[in-house]
Protein backbone atom coordinates (compact mmCIF):
# COMPACT_ATOMS: atom_id res chain seq x y z
CA MET A 1 6.75 -1.63 -51.62
CA LYS A 2 8.64 1.32 -49.98
CA LEU A 3 5.55 2.11 -47.84
CA THR A 4 5.30 -1.52 -46.48
CA ILE A 5 9.12 -1.58 -45.71
CA THR A 6 8.81 1.73 -43.86
CA ILE A 7 5.66 0.55 -41.82
CA SER A 8 7.65 -2.68 -40.85
CA ILE A 9 10.63 -0.70 -39.74
CA SER A 10 8.46 1.41 -37.65
CA ILE A 11 6.75 -1.47 -35.88
CA LEU A 12 10.15 -3.07 -35.22
CA LEU A 13 11.41 0.12 -33.79
CA ILE A 14 8.36 0.43 -31.46
CA ILE A 15 8.68 -3.28 -30.33
CA SER A 16 12.35 -2.64 -29.76
CA LEU A 17 11.82 0.43 -27.69
CA ILE A 18 9.13 -1.39 -25.54
CA GLY A 19 11.31 -4.28 -25.01
CA CYS A 20 14.21 -1.92 -24.18
CA GLY A 21 12.15 -0.09 -21.51
CA ASN A 22 11.04 -3.29 -19.94
CA LYS A 23 14.58 -4.60 -19.89
CA GLN A 24 15.81 -1.33 -18.16
CA ALA A 25 13.29 -1.78 -15.42
CA THR A 26 13.44 -5.60 -15.09
CA LYS A 27 14.12 -5.48 -11.34
CA THR A 28 11.46 -2.83 -10.68
CA ILE A 29 8.91 -4.98 -12.47
CA GLU A 30 10.00 -7.78 -10.20
CA ASN A 31 9.68 -5.70 -7.08
CA LEU A 32 6.30 -4.35 -8.19
CA LYS A 33 4.94 -7.83 -8.63
CA LEU A 34 6.25 -8.84 -5.04
CA ALA A 35 4.72 -5.60 -3.69
CA TYR A 36 1.47 -6.25 -5.45
CA ASN A 37 1.00 -9.57 -3.97
CA SER A 38 2.29 -8.62 -0.63
CA ALA A 39 -0.16 -5.45 -0.33
CA ALA A 40 -3.18 -7.57 -1.44
CA THR A 41 -2.24 -10.26 1.16
CA ASN A 42 -1.79 -7.74 3.82
CA SER A 43 -5.20 -6.25 2.95
CA GLU A 44 -6.86 -9.62 3.51
CA LYS A 45 -4.80 -10.10 6.64
CA PHE A 46 -6.08 -6.93 8.16
CA LEU A 47 -9.65 -7.71 7.24
CA LYS A 48 -9.27 -10.88 9.37
CA TYR A 49 -7.60 -8.98 12.20
CA SER A 50 -10.62 -6.69 12.11
CA GLU A 51 -12.94 -9.72 12.46
CA ILE A 52 -11.05 -10.99 15.43
CA ALA A 53 -11.06 -7.68 17.16
CA LYS A 54 -14.86 -7.51 16.56
CA GLU A 55 -15.20 -10.97 18.19
CA GLU A 56 -13.12 -9.99 21.09
CA GLY A 57 -15.14 -6.80 21.59
CA PHE A 58 -12.56 -4.27 20.59
CA ILE A 59 -14.73 -2.43 18.01
CA LYS A 60 -12.49 0.79 17.66
CA ILE A 61 -9.32 -1.37 16.96
CA ALA A 62 -11.36 -3.41 14.49
CA ASN A 63 -12.16 -0.17 12.76
CA LEU A 64 -8.46 0.74 12.50
CA PHE A 65 -7.75 -2.75 11.05
CA SER A 66 -10.49 -2.15 8.43
CA ALA A 67 -8.87 1.23 7.49
CA THR A 68 -5.49 -0.45 7.16
CA SER A 69 -6.79 -3.04 5.01
CA LYS A 70 -8.22 -0.31 2.68
CA SER A 71 -4.86 1.37 2.61
CA ASP A 72 -3.16 -1.76 1.54
CA ALA A 73 -5.78 -2.37 -1.17
CA ILE A 74 -5.00 1.09 -2.55
CA HIS A 75 -1.26 0.26 -2.57
CA ALA A 76 -1.93 -2.92 -4.46
CA PHE A 77 -3.87 -1.03 -7.01
CA ASN A 78 -1.13 1.51 -7.53
CA TYR A 79 1.44 -1.29 -8.13
CA LYS A 80 -0.81 -2.88 -10.60
CA LYS A 81 -1.17 0.50 -12.45
CA SER A 82 2.52 0.91 -12.34
CA LEU A 83 3.08 -2.45 -13.84
CA GLU A 84 0.62 -1.71 -16.62
CA LYS A 85 2.41 1.57 -17.34
CA LEU A 86 5.75 -0.60 -17.91
CA GLY A 87 3.77 -2.84 -20.29
CA ILE A 88 3.07 -5.63 -17.87
CA GLU A 89 -0.40 -6.90 -17.47
CA VAL A 90 -1.25 -8.72 -14.27
CA GLY A 91 -4.39 -10.50 -13.10
CA ASP A 92 -5.66 -10.91 -9.56
CA ALA A 93 -2.97 -10.98 -6.96
CA GLU A 94 -1.75 -14.02 -5.29
CA ILE A 95 -2.80 -13.99 -1.65
CA GLY A 96 -0.22 -15.65 0.53
CA ASN A 97 -0.70 -17.68 3.70
CA PHE A 98 -0.90 -15.75 6.87
CA GLU A 99 -1.77 -16.49 10.60
CA VAL A 100 -4.39 -14.69 12.59
CA LYS A 101 -3.90 -14.69 16.47
CA SER A 102 -5.37 -12.66 19.33
CA THR A 103 -5.96 -8.83 18.97
CA ASN A 104 -2.94 -8.04 21.18
CA GLU A 105 -0.74 -10.14 18.99
CA ASN A 106 -2.16 -8.77 15.75
CA ILE A 107 -1.57 -5.16 16.90
CA ILE A 108 2.11 -6.07 17.52
CA GLU A 109 2.35 -7.79 14.18
CA SER A 110 0.84 -4.89 12.39
CA ILE A 111 3.60 -2.58 13.85
CA ASN A 112 6.23 -5.04 12.67
CA ILE A 113 4.76 -5.36 9.20
CA LYS A 114 4.69 -1.62 8.70
CA ALA A 115 8.22 -1.14 10.21
CA LEU A 116 9.81 -3.80 7.96
CA GLU A 117 8.11 -2.42 4.86
CA SER A 118 8.86 1.27 5.65
CA ASN A 119 12.35 0.84 7.09
CA SER A 120 13.76 -1.94 4.83
CA THR A 121 11.63 -3.28 1.99
CA TYR A 122 10.42 -0.07 0.26
CA PRO A 123 13.65 1.94 0.68
CA LYS A 124 15.34 -0.85 -1.44
CA TYR A 125 12.55 -0.85 -4.04
CA ILE A 126 12.75 2.94 -4.28
CA LYS A 127 16.48 2.94 -4.69
CA THR A 128 16.13 0.37 -7.52
CA SER A 129 13.24 2.15 -9.33
CA GLU A 130 15.03 5.49 -9.22
CA PHE A 131 18.00 3.82 -10.77
CA GLU A 132 15.91 2.15 -13.51
CA LYS A 133 14.00 5.62 -13.91
CA ALA A 134 10.65 3.95 -13.25
CA LYS A 135 8.92 7.19 -11.99
CA ASP A 136 5.54 5.79 -11.46
CA ALA A 137 6.86 2.76 -9.32
CA THR A 138 9.17 5.09 -7.18
CA LYS A 139 5.99 7.20 -6.41
CA ALA A 140 3.87 4.29 -5.36
CA PHE A 141 6.69 2.85 -3.32
CA LYS A 142 7.23 6.25 -1.50
CA TRP A 143 3.56 6.54 -0.80
CA ALA A 144 3.55 3.07 0.79
CA ARG A 145 6.81 3.82 2.73
CA ASP A 146 5.57 7.17 4.09
CA SER A 147 2.10 6.03 4.87
CA GLY A 148 3.48 2.93 6.34
CA LEU A 149 5.43 4.90 8.94
CA ASN A 150 2.20 6.81 9.81
CA PHE A 151 0.34 3.42 10.35
CA LYS A 152 3.26 2.14 12.42
CA GLU A 153 3.03 4.98 14.85
CA THR A 154 -0.78 4.81 15.04
CA PHE A 155 -0.59 1.18 15.99
CA LYS A 156 2.15 1.89 18.53
CA LYS A 157 -0.23 4.36 20.19
CA VAL A 158 -3.02 1.81 20.03
CA LEU A 159 -0.92 -0.86 21.66
CA ILE A 160 0.01 1.45 24.58
CA ASP A 161 -3.87 2.32 24.90
CA PHE A 162 -4.75 -1.32 24.57
CA ARG A 163 -2.43 -2.36 27.51
CA LYS A 164 -3.40 0.53 29.77
CA ASN A 165 -7.07 1.01 29.09
CA ASN A 166 -8.08 -2.23 27.13
CA GLY A 167 -8.48 -0.10 24.03
CA ASN A 168 -11.26 2.11 25.38
CA LEU A 169 -9.46 5.33 24.43
CA VAL A 170 -8.55 4.30 20.97
CA ASN A 171 -9.58 6.73 18.31
CA SER A 172 -12.98 6.00 16.75
CA LYS A 173 -12.47 7.79 13.46
CA TYR A 174 -9.73 7.45 10.73
CA TYR A 175 -9.46 9.05 7.25
CA ILE A 176 -7.70 7.09 4.44
CA CYS A 177 -6.39 8.95 1.45
CA PRO A 178 -7.87 7.14 -1.68
CA THR A 179 -4.76 8.07 -3.82
CA CYS A 180 -1.96 7.04 -1.66
CA GLY A 181 -3.39 5.18 1.29
CA ASN A 182 -2.17 7.56 3.99
CA ILE A 183 -4.02 7.67 7.31
CA TYR A 184 -5.17 10.76 9.29
CA GLU A 185 -6.96 11.29 12.56
CA ASP A 186 -8.90 14.37 13.55
CA GLY A 187 -5.85 15.69 15.42
CA ASN A 188 -3.62 15.78 12.16
CA LEU A 189 -6.22 16.13 9.62
CA THR A 190 -5.10 18.43 6.84
CA ASP A 191 -7.01 20.18 3.79
CA ALA A 192 -4.95 18.06 1.36
CA CYS A 193 -2.85 14.83 1.72
CA ASP A 194 0.74 15.57 2.77
CA LEU A 195 1.97 12.74 0.48
CA CYS A 196 -0.01 13.20 -2.85
CA SER A 197 -1.94 16.52 -2.43
CA THR A 198 -5.34 14.79 -2.77
CA SER A 199 -8.26 16.90 -1.35
CA ALA A 200 -9.34 15.97 2.05
CA GLU A 201 -12.95 15.93 0.60
CA ARG A 202 -12.17 12.71 -1.01
CA TYR A 203 -10.73 10.94 1.98
CA ILE A 204 -12.49 7.64 2.74
CA ILE A 205 -13.84 7.73 6.43
CA PHE A 206 -13.79 4.79 8.87
CA GLU A 207 -15.68 5.62 11.96
CA VAL A 208 -17.30 3.82 14.95
CA LYS A 209 -20.54 5.47 15.82
């Protein structure tokens, strides 16, 4: 009888601790779900941007859009894993509606997306997750913020070249870190990722040959 009571108390204590943990990270869980759906939607969006760029003859820009799509897919995966560590199981992400325009307009929209996420959305999420002591979520949000800033600068350079040279001088090769989604070019390639220390040997290569 005493053993049964002890086991019951232990189970109740575990449930209580799990519930308490989720309660403490309530806002972070909400933000992770939003980020999960948003990153998955952006991944699909950039794939469509890539298709349009190919149709319009901008193969190198299409390659960059494909690389960006992969990066957002990595972010979505990280958010899902962070939710699971907080005891929240999620299925497939909800893909939102989005509009696809010309390559010129899509480049501009890409800059705006990454600027908004990196300068506004993710800093707010990071502040909340740090307050709620959700370390894995904080790490995932910081990776997305910092890699987003690099993508923003990459797209800004591409936009300038697109307007001056019709995209002919756009880089033909990009490297995506499989852990954090950061982007590299040959000019700034490092032996290990600046954000997560993943070896460069594991980078995913997107190249126009």
